[in-house]
Amino acid sequence: TSYTLVFMVIGYIIGIIIIPKFISQKNALLVCSLTALVFSLFALMTDGMTSVIFIALLGLPNSLMWPAIWPLALNRLGHFTKLGSALLIMAIAGGALIPLLFGQLADSYPQHPQWAYIILLPSYICILYFAWRGYKAGLSNMD
């Protein structure tokens, strides 16, 4: 957890420096979700300390995801901004539900508990889709 925290702080500092001066929030979210997918796959395909390092490295892309999701989700909502904000806050419940599912998966495979990290893949794929096209869903006149 200490290494994850270090990587998150590094990610926050990188984000402060480069977003939006050098890279847009959309592109930062694309890069971060792809990076998280790669780290997750490597965590699943390796074992021992190597797998642990890839899980710790997830702190880097994770640190930039929420700050990029928020403005993309609320952009051009107009008078629905309050509702959009409320839905985003309620979406944090996924942070309470996914660990329960992870625990259930880990208990289901006592010989290979790291297989439970498979739950990361659909999560990051959803974020990747949102960064690529999902944030535009239902909006017209988008660039």
C-alpha atoms as a PDB file:
ATOM      1  CA  THR A   1       0.000   0.000   0.000  1.00  0.00           C
ATOM      2  CA  SER A   2       2.879   2.371   0.616  1.00  0.00           C
ATOM      3  CA  TYR A   3       4.138   1.896  -2.926  1.00  0.00           C
ATOM      4  CA  THR A   4       0.650   2.434  -4.319  1.00  0.00           C
ATOM      5  CA  LEU A   5       0.457   5.690  -2.382  1.00  0.00           C
ATOM      6  CA  VAL A   6       3.837   6.793  -3.739  1.00  0.00           C
ATOM      7  CA  PHE A   7       2.726   6.054  -7.302  1.00  0.00           C
ATOM      8  CA  MET A   8      -0.531   7.938  -6.707  1.00  0.00           C
ATOM      9  CA  VAL A   9       1.324  11.018  -5.469  1.00  0.00           C
ATOM     10  CA  ILE A  10       3.616  10.830  -8.503  1.00  0.00           C
ATOM     11  CA  GLY A  11       0.513  10.602 -10.712  1.00  0.00           C
ATOM     12  CA  TYR A  12      -1.081  13.628  -9.047  1.00  0.00           C
ATOM     13  CA  ILE A  13       2.079  15.672  -9.587  1.00  0.00           C
ATOM     14  CA  ILE A  14       2.288  14.589 -13.237  1.00  0.00           C
ATOM     15  CA  GLY A  15      -1.379  15.494 -13.694  1.00  0.00           C
ATOM     16  CA  ILE A  16      -0.900  18.952 -12.201  1.00  0.00           C
ATOM     17  CA  ILE A  17       1.983  19.610 -14.570  1.00  0.00           C
ATOM     18  CA  ILE A  18       0.657  18.195 -17.856  1.00  0.00           C
ATOM     19  CA  ILE A  19      -3.169  18.362 -17.746  1.00  0.00           C
ATOM     20  CA  PRO A  20      -4.561  20.363 -19.592  1.00  0.00           C
ATOM     21  CA  LYS A  21      -1.437  22.240 -20.700  1.00  0.00           C
ATOM     22  CA  PHE A  22       0.090  19.389 -22.714  1.00  0.00           C
ATOM     23  CA  ILE A  23      -2.585  16.675 -22.825  1.00  0.00           C
ATOM     24  CA  SER A  24      -6.371  16.909 -22.694  1.00  0.00           C
ATOM     25  CA  GLN A  25      -8.405  15.270 -19.956  1.00  0.00           C
ATOM     26  CA  LYS A  26      -9.895  12.918 -22.538  1.00  0.00           C
ATOM     27  CA  ASN A  27      -6.477  11.781 -23.770  1.00  0.00           C
ATOM     28  CA  ALA A  28      -5.155  11.496 -20.217  1.00  0.00           C
ATOM     29  CA  LEU A  29      -8.093   9.229 -19.380  1.00  0.00           C
ATOM     30  CA  LEU A  30      -7.462   7.147 -22.506  1.00  0.00           C
ATOM     31  CA  VAL A  31      -3.786   6.715 -21.621  1.00  0.00           C
ATOM     32  CA  CYS A  32      -4.529   5.971 -17.974  1.00  0.00           C
ATOM     33  CA  SER A  33      -7.230   3.392 -18.700  1.00  0.00           C
ATOM     34  CA  LEU A  34      -5.018   1.631 -21.257  1.00  0.00           C
ATOM     35  CA  THR A  35      -2.102   1.683 -18.831  1.00  0.00           C
ATOM     36  CA  ALA A  36      -4.305   0.290 -16.060  1.00  0.00           C
ATOM     37  CA  LEU A  37      -5.493  -2.495 -18.371  1.00  0.00           C
ATOM     38  CA  VAL A  38      -1.898  -3.428 -19.216  1.00  0.00           C
ATOM     39  CA  PHE A  39      -0.809  -3.364 -15.551  1.00  0.00           C
ATOM     40  CA  SER A  40      -3.843  -5.492 -14.624  1.00  0.00           C
ATOM     41  CA  LEU A  41      -3.057  -8.045 -17.318  1.00  0.00           C
ATOM     42  CA  PHE A  42       0.570  -8.235 -16.189  1.00  0.00           C
ATOM     43  CA  ALA A  43      -0.571  -8.651 -12.580  1.00  0.00           C
ATOM     44  CA  LEU A  44      -2.711 -11.590 -13.683  1.00  0.00           C
ATOM     45  CA  MET A  45      -0.045 -13.165 -15.886  1.00  0.00           C
ATOM     46  CA  THR A  46       2.831 -12.944 -13.394  1.00  0.00           C
ATOM     47  CA  ASP A  47       3.150 -14.125  -9.832  1.00  0.00           C
ATOM     48  CA  GLY A  48       4.916 -13.317  -6.614  1.00  0.00           C
ATOM     49  CA  MET A  49       6.468  -9.913  -6.116  1.00  0.00           C
ATOM     50  CA  THR A  50       6.205  -9.046  -9.812  1.00  0.00           C
ATOM     51  CA  SER A  51       2.425  -9.296  -9.623  1.00  0.00           C
ATOM     52  CA  VAL A  52       2.385  -7.200  -6.459  1.00  0.00           C
ATOM     53  CA  ILE A  53       4.477  -4.510  -8.164  1.00  0.00           C
ATOM     54  CA  PHE A  54       2.009  -4.285 -11.047  1.00  0.00           C
ATOM     55  CA  ILE A  55      -0.873  -3.908  -8.579  1.00  0.00           C
ATOM     56  CA  ALA A  56       1.061  -1.149  -6.793  1.00  0.00           C
ATOM     57  CA  LEU A  57       1.771   0.530 -10.139  1.00  0.00           C
ATOM     58  CA  LEU A  58      -1.996   0.864 -10.657  1.00  0.00           C
ATOM     59  CA  GLY A  59      -1.817   3.824  -8.286  1.00  0.00           C
ATOM     60  CA  LEU A  60      -0.242   5.872 -11.081  1.00  0.00           C
ATOM     61  CA  PRO A  61      -3.042   5.655 -13.676  1.00  0.00           C
ATOM     62  CA  ASN A  62      -5.765   5.498 -11.014  1.00  0.00           C
ATOM     63  CA  SER A  63      -4.678   8.840  -9.584  1.00  0.00           C
ATOM     64  CA  LEU A  64      -5.586  10.627 -12.817  1.00  0.00           C
ATOM     65  CA  MET A  65      -8.824   8.839 -13.695  1.00  0.00           C
ATOM     66  CA  TRP A  66     -11.349  10.461 -11.379  1.00  0.00           C
ATOM     67  CA  PRO A  67     -10.117  14.022 -12.065  1.00  0.00           C
ATOM     68  CA  ALA A  68     -10.557  13.301 -15.794  1.00  0.00           C
ATOM     69  CA  ILE A  69     -13.912  11.497 -15.527  1.00  0.00           C
ATOM     70  CA  TRP A  70     -15.595  14.277 -13.571  1.00  0.00           C
ATOM     71  CA  PRO A  71     -15.202  17.145 -16.090  1.00  0.00           C
ATOM     72  CA  LEU A  72     -15.861  14.900 -19.101  1.00  0.00           C
ATOM     73  CA  ALA A  73     -19.067  13.602 -17.528  1.00  0.00           C
ATOM     74  CA  LEU A  74     -20.352  17.042 -16.557  1.00  0.00           C
ATOM     75  CA  ASN A  75     -19.400  18.848 -19.763  1.00  0.00           C
ATOM     76  CA  ARG A  76     -22.427  20.378 -21.517  1.00  0.00           C
ATOM     77  CA  LEU A  77     -24.996  19.022 -19.072  1.00  0.00           C
ATOM     78  CA  GLY A  78     -26.429  22.494 -18.593  1.00  0.00           C
ATOM     79  CA  HIS A  79     -29.285  22.454 -16.114  1.00  0.00           C
ATOM     80  CA  PHE A  80     -28.672  18.709 -15.533  1.00  0.00           C
ATOM     81  CA  THR A  81     -25.267  19.392 -13.957  1.00  0.00           C
ATOM     82  CA  LYS A  82     -26.573  18.911 -10.399  1.00  0.00           C
ATOM     83  CA  LEU A  83     -28.138  15.576 -11.344  1.00  0.00           C
ATOM     84  CA  GLY A  84     -24.964  14.506 -13.150  1.00  0.00           C
ATOM     85  CA  SER A  85     -22.871  15.408 -10.106  1.00  0.00           C
ATOM     86  CA  ALA A  86     -25.188  13.435  -7.838  1.00  0.00           C
ATOM     87  CA  LEU A  87     -24.971  10.390 -10.108  1.00  0.00           C
ATOM     88  CA  LEU A  88     -21.177  10.594 -10.132  1.00  0.00           C
ATOM     89  CA  ILE A  89     -21.109  10.680  -6.345  1.00  0.00           C
ATOM     90  CA  MET A  90     -23.459   7.687  -6.204  1.00  0.00           C
ATOM     91  CA  ALA A  91     -21.189   5.854  -8.642  1.00  0.00           C
ATOM     92  CA  ILE A  92     -18.575   5.812  -5.903  1.00  0.00           C
ATOM     93  CA  ALA A  93     -20.654   2.950  -4.476  1.00  0.00           C
ATOM     94  CA  GLY A  94     -18.767   0.808  -6.985  1.00  0.00           C
ATOM     95  CA  GLY A  95     -15.802   1.364  -4.721  1.00  0.00           C
ATOM     96  CA  ALA A  96     -17.777  -0.396  -2.011  1.00  0.00           C
ATOM     97  CA  LEU A  97     -19.204  -3.200  -4.147  1.00  0.00           C
ATOM     98  CA  ILE A  98     -16.240  -4.215  -6.281  1.00  0.00           C
ATOM     99  CA  PRO A  99     -14.092  -5.188  -3.240  1.00  0.00           C
ATOM    100  CA  LEU A 100     -16.874  -7.496  -2.056  1.00  0.00           C
ATOM    101  CA  LEU A 101     -16.955  -9.177  -5.457  1.00  0.00           C
ATOM    102  CA  PHE A 102     -13.152  -9.345  -5.444  1.00  0.00           C
ATOM    103  CA  GLY A 103     -13.234 -11.082  -2.054  1.00  0.00           C
ATOM    104  CA  GLN A 104     -15.829 -13.560  -3.286  1.00  0.00           C
ATOM    105  CA  LEU A 105     -13.702 -14.346  -6.342  1.00  0.00           C
ATOM    106  CA  ALA A 106     -10.544 -14.717  -4.237  1.00  0.00           C
ATOM    107  CA  ASP A 107     -12.354 -17.124  -1.894  1.00  0.00           C
ATOM    108  CA  SER A 108     -13.596 -19.118  -4.887  1.00  0.00           C
ATOM    109  CA  TYR A 109     -10.033 -19.803  -6.042  1.00  0.00           C
ATOM    110  CA  PRO A 110      -8.048 -20.482  -2.847  1.00  0.00           C
ATOM    111  CA  GLN A 111      -5.122 -21.941  -4.821  1.00  0.00           C
ATOM    112  CA  HIS A 112      -4.893 -18.826  -7.050  1.00  0.00           C
ATOM    113  CA  PRO A 113      -6.430 -15.839  -5.219  1.00  0.00           C
ATOM    114  CA  GLN A 114      -4.745 -13.393  -7.597  1.00  0.00           C
ATOM    115  CA  TRP A 115      -7.199 -14.532 -10.285  1.00  0.00           C
ATOM    116  CA  ALA A 116      -9.713 -12.325  -8.502  1.00  0.00           C
ATOM    117  CA  TYR A 117      -7.957  -9.378 -10.118  1.00  0.00           C
ATOM    118  CA  ILE A 118      -9.833 -10.349 -13.268  1.00  0.00           C
ATOM    119  CA  ILE A 119     -12.518  -7.994 -11.938  1.00  0.00           C
ATOM    120  CA  LEU A 120     -10.222  -5.114 -12.896  1.00  0.00           C
ATOM    121  CA  LEU A 121     -10.452  -5.849 -16.609  1.00  0.00           C
ATOM    122  CA  PRO A 122     -14.156  -5.073 -17.193  1.00  0.00           C
ATOM    123  CA  SER A 123     -13.852  -2.078 -14.865  1.00  0.00           C
ATOM    124  CA  TYR A 124     -11.000  -0.548 -16.844  1.00  0.00           C
ATOM    125  CA  ILE A 125     -12.638  -1.479 -20.147  1.00  0.00           C
ATOM    126  CA  CYS A 126     -15.703   0.550 -19.085  1.00  0.00           C
ATOM    127  CA  ILE A 127     -13.482   3.505 -18.247  1.00  0.00           C
ATOM    128  CA  LEU A 128     -11.651   3.105 -21.568  1.00  0.00           C
ATOM    129  CA  TYR A 129     -14.960   3.166 -23.437  1.00  0.00           C
ATOM    130  CA  PHE A 130     -16.059   6.252 -21.518  1.00  0.00           C
ATOM    131  CA  ALA A 131     -12.807   8.025 -22.418  1.00  0.00           C
ATOM    132  CA  TRP A 132     -13.026   7.011 -26.060  1.00  0.00           C
ATOM    133  CA  ARG A 133     -16.707   7.624 -26.839  1.00  0.00           C
ATOM    134  CA  GLY A 134     -18.923   7.226 -23.811  1.00  0.00           C
ATOM    135  CA  TYR A 135     -18.559  10.762 -22.523  1.00  0.00           C
ATOM    136  CA  LYS A 136     -20.230  11.993 -25.742  1.00  0.00           C
ATOM    137  CA  ALA A 137     -23.269   9.678 -25.471  1.00  0.00           C
ATOM    138  CA  GLY A 138     -26.497  11.581 -25.961  1.00  0.00           C
ATOM    139  CA  LEU A 139     -24.806  14.901 -26.697  1.00  0.00           C
ATOM    140  CA  SER A 140     -24.960  16.576 -30.065  1.00  0.00           C
ATOM    141  CA  ASN A 141     -22.623  19.179 -31.531  1.00  0.00           C
ATOM    142  CA  MET A 142     -19.588  17.597 -29.898  1.00  0.00           C
ATOM    143  CA  ASP A 143     -16.228  18.209 -31.519  1.00  0.00           C
END
